[in-house]
Amino acid sequence: MKLTYTTHGTCSRLINLEIGDDRKVTNVEFIGGCDGNTKGIAKLVKGMDAEEAANRLAGIRCGYKPTSCPDQLAQALREALSHI
């Protein structure tokens, strides 16, 4: 399952992600955002169960913002899982 997710409330604009048939994250790419942080998040979740990754990342805030790039990735993963 491939998905391009439009983020809301973050510096990143889009998240391209792919989940395999085994429901594991196979690829994540952030467009925009803090380059090192988003690349780090992408590497950390690669190979993880998508639902587990979403549960771990959901609710993380960036400073005073009600969301963050990790939180947006959680939302993107949940949207992708709803289509599998």
Protein backbone atom coordinates (compact mmCIF):
# COMPACT_ATOMS: atom_id res chain seq x y z
CA MET A 1 0.00 0.00 0.00
CA LYS A 2 1.46 3.34 -1.06
CA LEU A 3 0.08 6.60 0.27
CA THR A 4 0.92 10.27 -0.08
CA TYR A 5 -0.39 12.09 2.97
CA THR A 6 -0.78 15.87 3.17
CA THR A 7 0.32 17.01 6.60
CA HIS A 8 -1.40 19.64 8.71
CA GLY A 9 0.23 21.98 11.24
CA THR A 10 3.85 20.98 10.60
CA CYS A 11 6.83 22.22 8.62
CA SER A 12 6.72 19.09 6.47
CA ARG A 13 4.20 19.30 3.64
CA LEU A 14 3.79 15.68 2.56
CA ILE A 15 4.63 12.18 3.72
CA ASN A 16 5.12 9.43 1.14
CA LEU A 17 4.89 6.02 2.75
CA GLU A 18 4.62 2.39 1.85
CA ILE A 19 3.34 -0.53 3.90
CA GLY A 20 3.97 -4.12 2.81
CA ASP A 21 1.48 -6.97 2.73
CA ASP A 22 2.79 -7.99 6.16
CA ARG A 23 1.65 -4.57 7.49
CA LYS A 24 5.24 -3.48 8.10
CA VAL A 25 6.54 -0.06 7.11
CA THR A 26 8.78 -0.46 4.06
CA ASN A 27 9.44 3.19 3.18
CA VAL A 28 8.81 6.69 4.56
CA GLU A 29 9.81 9.98 2.97
CA PHE A 30 8.96 13.41 4.37
CA ILE A 31 8.76 16.37 2.00
CA GLY A 32 9.84 19.46 3.92
CA GLY A 33 10.43 19.64 7.64
CA CYS A 34 13.66 19.32 9.61
CA ASP A 35 15.77 17.16 7.31
CA GLY A 36 17.79 15.27 9.91
CA ASN A 37 14.84 14.65 12.22
CA THR A 38 12.51 13.42 9.48
CA LYS A 39 15.20 11.15 8.02
CA GLY A 40 15.81 9.75 11.50
CA ILE A 41 12.12 9.06 12.08
CA ALA A 42 11.88 7.36 8.68
CA LYS A 43 14.82 5.05 9.46
CA LEU A 44 13.50 4.20 12.91
CA VAL A 45 10.08 3.07 11.70
CA LYS A 46 11.33 1.13 8.65
CA GLY A 47 10.62 -2.55 9.25
CA MET A 48 8.26 -1.86 12.16
CA ASP A 49 4.69 -3.02 12.33
CA ALA A 50 2.72 -0.02 11.05
CA GLU A 51 0.16 -0.10 13.86
CA GLU A 52 2.90 -0.29 16.51
CA ALA A 53 4.72 2.66 14.91
CA ALA A 54 1.49 4.69 14.81
CA ASN A 55 0.78 3.93 18.48
CA ARG A 56 4.26 5.02 19.53
CA LEU A 57 4.24 8.26 17.50
CA ALA A 58 0.67 9.44 18.04
CA GLY A 59 0.27 12.47 20.28
CA ILE A 60 3.85 13.75 20.09
CA ARG A 61 3.84 17.54 20.01
CA CYS A 62 6.35 19.96 18.51
CA GLY A 63 6.83 22.81 20.97
CA TYR A 64 3.55 24.69 21.35
CA LYS A 65 1.98 23.06 18.28
CA PRO A 66 -0.76 20.46 18.86
CA THR A 67 0.98 18.05 16.43
CA SER A 68 4.40 17.16 15.04
CA CYS A 69 5.97 15.31 12.13
CA PRO A 70 5.92 12.04 14.12
CA ASP A 71 2.25 12.60 15.03
CA GLN A 72 1.44 13.31 11.39
CA LEU A 73 3.22 10.10 10.39
CA ALA A 74 1.04 8.23 12.90
CA GLN A 75 -2.06 9.69 11.25
CA ALA A 76 -0.73 8.78 7.79
CA LEU A 77 0.00 5.22 8.89
CA ARG A 78 -3.50 4.83 10.33
CA GLU A 79 -5.03 6.16 7.13
CA ALA A 80 -2.99 3.69 5.05
CA LEU A 81 -3.93 0.80 7.36
CA SER A 82 -7.62 1.64 6.96
CA HIS A 83 -7.27 0.87 3.23
CA ILE A 84 -5.62 -2.53 3.66
